[in-house]
Amino acid sequence: MLKNIARYPVTYGLIIINTIIYLISASISHNFLDMNTQVLFDMGATYGPKILLDGEWWRLFSAMFLHAGIIHLSMNMYSLYIVGKGVDSYFTSLQYLVIYLFSGIFGTLLSLSVHSDTLGVGASGAIFGLLGALAGFFLVHKKEIAKQSRAFFGTFGSVIALNLFIGLSVPNIDMSAHIGGLIAGFLGGYLISKNSKNIWIYIILSIFIILGIIRYL
């Protein structure tokens, strides 16, 4: 177990942080299975009026570490475990965290632009960003690791198709957050895979785009 943690430090670290925050919210909610909506709101869920009118932009960050219930948490942490290990293998810890956080924020912003009056929580936008980052990595290195690239893009297509199906058939799943995170993650993964120094271009570009979207909203 310790060997796996050392090999995939960011993935396990994020899982631990998300789980601890969930346990705190469950304790306050007095319910381990489903979180109290007011508790989620108080702990930093996204909500358009509070963000756009009261300037509580910190919610774009805090919301990605909150989950509505044990099933929500379990699905996201399992996805993070599967996808995150690949990102831990191909990117540095700093690159991983930058892509994860910016993807989560972009996902939340896109969700906010579509569902401004809905309470939003979850790490799915950030996790889809990791999936996008892997797509960017394999696209850049498709010649060097052709076999792995073909296998990944086959899996990638299946995952996207499955999530589109689930998102269109199951209520309360925010596909806009998934799409926003996926695009942001792909951009980061592609740029960084081209040249590791491009991380600073990605950070600066992301900040400018985020500020632009905030101004638009």
Protein backbone atom coordinates (compact mmCIF):
# COMPACT_ATOMS: atom_id res chain seq x y z
CA MET A 1 0.00 0.00 0.00
CA LEU A 2 2.76 2.46 0.97
CA LYS A 3 4.56 1.58 -2.26
CA ASN A 4 1.46 2.49 -4.29
CA ILE A 5 1.05 5.76 -2.39
CA ALA A 6 4.67 6.66 -3.12
CA ARG A 7 4.19 5.78 -6.79
CA TYR A 8 0.95 7.76 -7.19
CA PRO A 9 1.27 10.47 -4.51
CA VAL A 10 -1.05 13.12 -5.98
CA THR A 11 -3.85 10.66 -6.77
CA TYR A 12 -3.86 9.18 -3.28
CA GLY A 13 -3.42 12.60 -1.73
CA LEU A 14 -6.48 13.99 -3.53
CA ILE A 15 -8.54 10.93 -2.61
CA ILE A 16 -7.60 11.36 1.05
CA ILE A 17 -8.39 15.09 1.03
CA ASN A 18 -11.77 14.56 -0.66
CA THR A 19 -12.64 11.77 1.76
CA ILE A 20 -11.68 13.80 4.84
CA ILE A 21 -13.77 16.76 3.66
CA TYR A 22 -16.67 14.39 2.99
CA LEU A 23 -16.42 12.95 6.50
CA ILE A 24 -16.46 16.49 7.93
CA SER A 25 -19.55 17.40 5.90
CA ALA A 26 -21.19 14.10 6.91
CA SER A 27 -20.49 14.78 10.56
CA ILE A 28 -22.04 18.26 10.33
CA SER A 29 -24.99 16.87 8.32
CA HIS A 30 -25.47 14.00 10.83
CA ASN A 31 -25.87 11.74 7.82
CA PHE A 32 -23.17 9.60 6.23
CA LEU A 33 -25.12 8.75 3.06
CA ASP A 34 -26.51 12.09 1.89
CA MET A 35 -25.30 15.59 2.67
CA ASN A 36 -27.51 18.36 3.96
CA THR A 37 -27.89 21.02 1.25
CA GLN A 38 -27.37 23.85 3.72
CA VAL A 39 -24.15 22.25 4.94
CA LEU A 40 -22.84 22.01 1.38
CA PHE A 41 -23.78 25.64 0.80
CA ASP A 42 -22.02 26.77 3.98
CA MET A 43 -18.91 24.74 3.14
CA GLY A 44 -18.53 26.31 -0.30
CA ALA A 45 -20.79 24.79 -2.94
CA THR A 46 -21.19 26.90 -6.07
CA TYR A 47 -24.34 29.01 -6.27
CA GLY A 48 -24.69 31.69 -8.91
CA PRO A 49 -26.16 34.54 -6.86
CA LYS A 50 -23.53 34.21 -4.11
CA ILE A 51 -20.69 34.09 -6.64
CA LEU A 52 -21.90 36.62 -9.20
CA LEU A 53 -23.60 39.10 -6.87
CA ASP A 54 -21.65 38.73 -3.63
CA GLY A 55 -18.25 38.02 -5.18
CA GLU A 56 -17.66 34.70 -3.42
CA TRP A 57 -15.38 33.40 -6.19
CA TRP A 58 -13.56 31.10 -3.75
CA ARG A 59 -16.51 28.74 -4.20
CA LEU A 60 -15.12 27.83 -7.66
CA PHE A 61 -12.27 26.14 -5.79
CA SER A 62 -14.02 24.78 -2.70
CA ALA A 63 -16.91 23.15 -4.60
CA MET A 64 -14.63 20.63 -6.33
CA PHE A 65 -13.80 19.07 -2.94
CA LEU A 66 -17.43 18.65 -1.84
CA HIS A 67 -19.78 15.76 -2.67
CA ALA A 68 -23.52 15.37 -2.31
CA GLY A 69 -23.55 11.79 -0.99
CA ILE A 70 -21.60 8.59 -0.56
CA ILE A 71 -22.46 7.33 -4.07
CA HIS A 72 -21.34 10.64 -5.58
CA LEU A 73 -18.07 10.48 -3.64
CA SER A 74 -17.46 6.80 -4.40
CA MET A 75 -17.99 7.20 -8.15
CA ASN A 76 -15.71 10.22 -8.36
CA MET A 77 -12.96 8.73 -6.19
CA TYR A 78 -13.00 5.49 -8.16
CA SER A 79 -12.72 7.49 -11.39
CA LEU A 80 -9.92 9.57 -9.88
CA TYR A 81 -8.10 6.40 -8.84
CA ILE A 82 -8.31 4.90 -12.35
CA VAL A 83 -7.50 8.03 -14.35
CA GLY A 84 -5.21 9.68 -11.82
CA LYS A 85 -2.68 6.86 -11.77
CA GLY A 86 -1.98 7.46 -15.45
CA VAL A 87 -1.52 11.19 -14.89
CA ASP A 88 0.77 10.50 -11.92
CA SER A 89 2.86 8.30 -14.22
CA TYR A 90 3.23 10.72 -17.14
CA PHE A 91 3.22 14.14 -15.43
CA THR A 92 5.06 15.66 -12.46
CA SER A 93 3.17 16.34 -9.23
CA LEU A 94 3.10 20.08 -9.97
CA GLN A 95 1.81 19.52 -13.50
CA TYR A 96 -0.85 17.13 -12.20
CA LEU A 97 -2.10 19.57 -9.56
CA VAL A 98 -2.14 22.53 -11.95
CA ILE A 99 -4.17 20.60 -14.53
CA TYR A 100 -6.52 19.20 -11.87
CA LEU A 101 -7.26 22.54 -10.23
CA PHE A 102 -7.65 24.58 -13.42
CA SER A 103 -9.82 21.88 -14.99
CA GLY A 104 -12.03 21.88 -11.91
CA ILE A 105 -12.38 25.66 -12.01
CA PHE A 106 -13.11 25.71 -15.75
CA GLY A 107 -15.69 22.96 -15.30
CA THR A 108 -17.36 24.88 -12.50
CA LEU A 109 -17.37 28.12 -14.51
CA LEU A 110 -19.00 26.46 -17.51
CA SER A 111 -21.54 24.84 -15.21
CA LEU A 112 -22.21 28.22 -13.60
CA SER A 113 -22.84 29.83 -16.98
CA VAL A 114 -25.45 27.15 -17.76
CA HIS A 115 -26.97 26.50 -14.31
CA SER A 116 -26.47 29.72 -12.37
CA ASP A 117 -29.25 29.03 -9.85
CA THR A 118 -28.25 25.45 -9.04
CA LEU A 119 -26.13 24.37 -6.10
CA GLY A 120 -23.03 22.65 -7.52
CA VAL A 121 -20.48 20.29 -5.95
CA GLY A 122 -18.14 17.54 -7.07
CA ALA A 123 -14.73 16.69 -8.48
CA SER A 124 -15.99 15.41 -11.84
CA GLY A 125 -14.86 18.48 -13.81
CA ALA A 126 -11.33 18.12 -12.46
CA ILE A 127 -11.34 14.36 -13.09
CA PHE A 128 -12.47 14.86 -16.67
CA GLY A 129 -9.60 17.32 -16.93
CA LEU A 130 -7.20 14.51 -16.05
CA LEU A 131 -8.76 12.37 -18.75
CA GLY A 132 -8.29 15.24 -21.20
CA ALA A 133 -4.67 15.64 -20.08
CA LEU A 134 -3.97 12.00 -20.88
CA ALA A 135 -5.57 12.49 -24.30
CA GLY A 136 -3.23 15.44 -24.89
CA PHE A 137 -0.22 13.42 -23.76
CA PHE A 138 -0.95 10.45 -26.01
CA LEU A 139 -1.70 12.72 -28.95
CA VAL A 140 1.72 14.35 -28.62
CA HIS A 141 3.52 11.01 -28.19
CA LYS A 142 1.40 8.89 -30.53
CA LYS A 143 4.40 7.93 -32.69
CA GLU A 144 6.73 6.96 -29.85
CA ILE A 145 4.14 4.89 -28.02
CA ALA A 146 1.76 4.00 -30.82
CA LYS A 147 0.40 0.81 -29.23
CA GLN A 148 -0.41 2.49 -25.91
CA SER A 149 -1.88 5.50 -27.72
CA ARG A 150 -4.27 3.36 -29.76
CA ALA A 151 -5.34 1.48 -26.64
CA PHE A 152 -5.88 4.72 -24.73
CA PHE A 153 -7.94 6.42 -27.40
CA GLY A 154 -10.11 3.32 -27.69
CA THR A 155 -10.75 3.50 -23.95
CA PHE A 156 -11.09 7.29 -24.10
CA GLY A 157 -13.83 7.06 -26.72
CA SER A 158 -15.69 4.45 -24.70
CA VAL A 159 -15.51 6.52 -21.50
CA ILE A 160 -16.75 9.67 -23.25
CA ALA A 161 -19.59 7.78 -24.96
CA LEU A 162 -20.63 6.15 -21.68
CA ASN A 163 -20.62 9.44 -19.79
CA LEU A 164 -22.58 11.18 -22.53
CA PHE A 165 -25.16 8.41 -22.33
CA ILE A 166 -25.35 8.61 -18.53
CA GLY A 167 -25.44 12.40 -18.60
CA LEU A 168 -28.32 12.47 -21.05
CA SER A 169 -30.33 9.73 -19.35
CA VAL A 170 -29.75 10.37 -15.65
CA PRO A 171 -31.05 13.61 -14.09
CA ASN A 172 -28.86 15.93 -11.95
CA ILE A 173 -25.61 15.06 -13.74
CA ASP A 174 -23.94 18.25 -14.94
CA MET A 175 -22.42 17.52 -18.35
CA SER A 176 -21.30 21.14 -18.75
CA ALA A 177 -18.79 20.72 -15.89
CA HIS A 178 -17.48 17.55 -17.55
CA ILE A 179 -17.04 19.28 -20.90
CA GLY A 180 -15.35 22.34 -19.39
CA GLY A 181 -12.94 20.22 -17.40
CA LEU A 182 -12.19 17.95 -20.37
CA ILE A 183 -11.28 20.87 -22.65
CA ALA A 184 -9.12 22.58 -20.01
CA GLY A 185 -7.34 19.34 -19.18
CA PHE A 186 -6.68 18.50 -22.82
CA LEU A 187 -5.16 21.94 -23.41
CA GLY A 188 -2.91 21.58 -20.38
CA GLY A 189 -1.89 18.02 -21.17
CA TYR A 190 -1.10 18.85 -24.78
CA LEU A 191 0.94 21.98 -24.03
CA ILE A 192 2.91 20.42 -21.18
CA SER A 193 3.58 17.24 -23.15
CA LYS A 194 5.01 19.35 -25.97
CA ASN A 195 7.38 21.07 -23.55
CA SER A 196 7.36 20.92 -19.76
CA LYS A 197 8.12 24.66 -19.62
CA ASN A 198 4.75 25.30 -21.26
CA ILE A 199 3.17 24.82 -17.83
CA TRP A 200 3.68 28.55 -17.27
CA ILE A 201 1.99 29.37 -20.57
CA TYR A 202 -0.91 27.16 -19.50
CA ILE A 203 -1.15 28.83 -16.09
CA ILE A 204 -1.07 32.37 -17.49
CA LEU A 205 -3.47 31.51 -20.33
CA SER A 206 -5.88 29.82 -17.91
CA ILE A 207 -5.86 32.79 -15.55
CA PHE A 208 -6.59 35.22 -18.39
CA ILE A 209 -9.42 33.02 -19.71
CA ILE A 210 -10.89 32.60 -16.21
CA LEU A 211 -10.80 36.35 -15.61
CA GLY A 212 -12.41 36.89 -19.01
CA ILE A 213 -15.21 34.46 -18.25
CA ILE A 214 -15.77 36.02 -14.82
CA ARG A 215 -16.01 39.45 -16.42
CA TYR A 216 -18.48 38.10 -18.98
CA LEU A 217 -20.64 36.46 -16.30
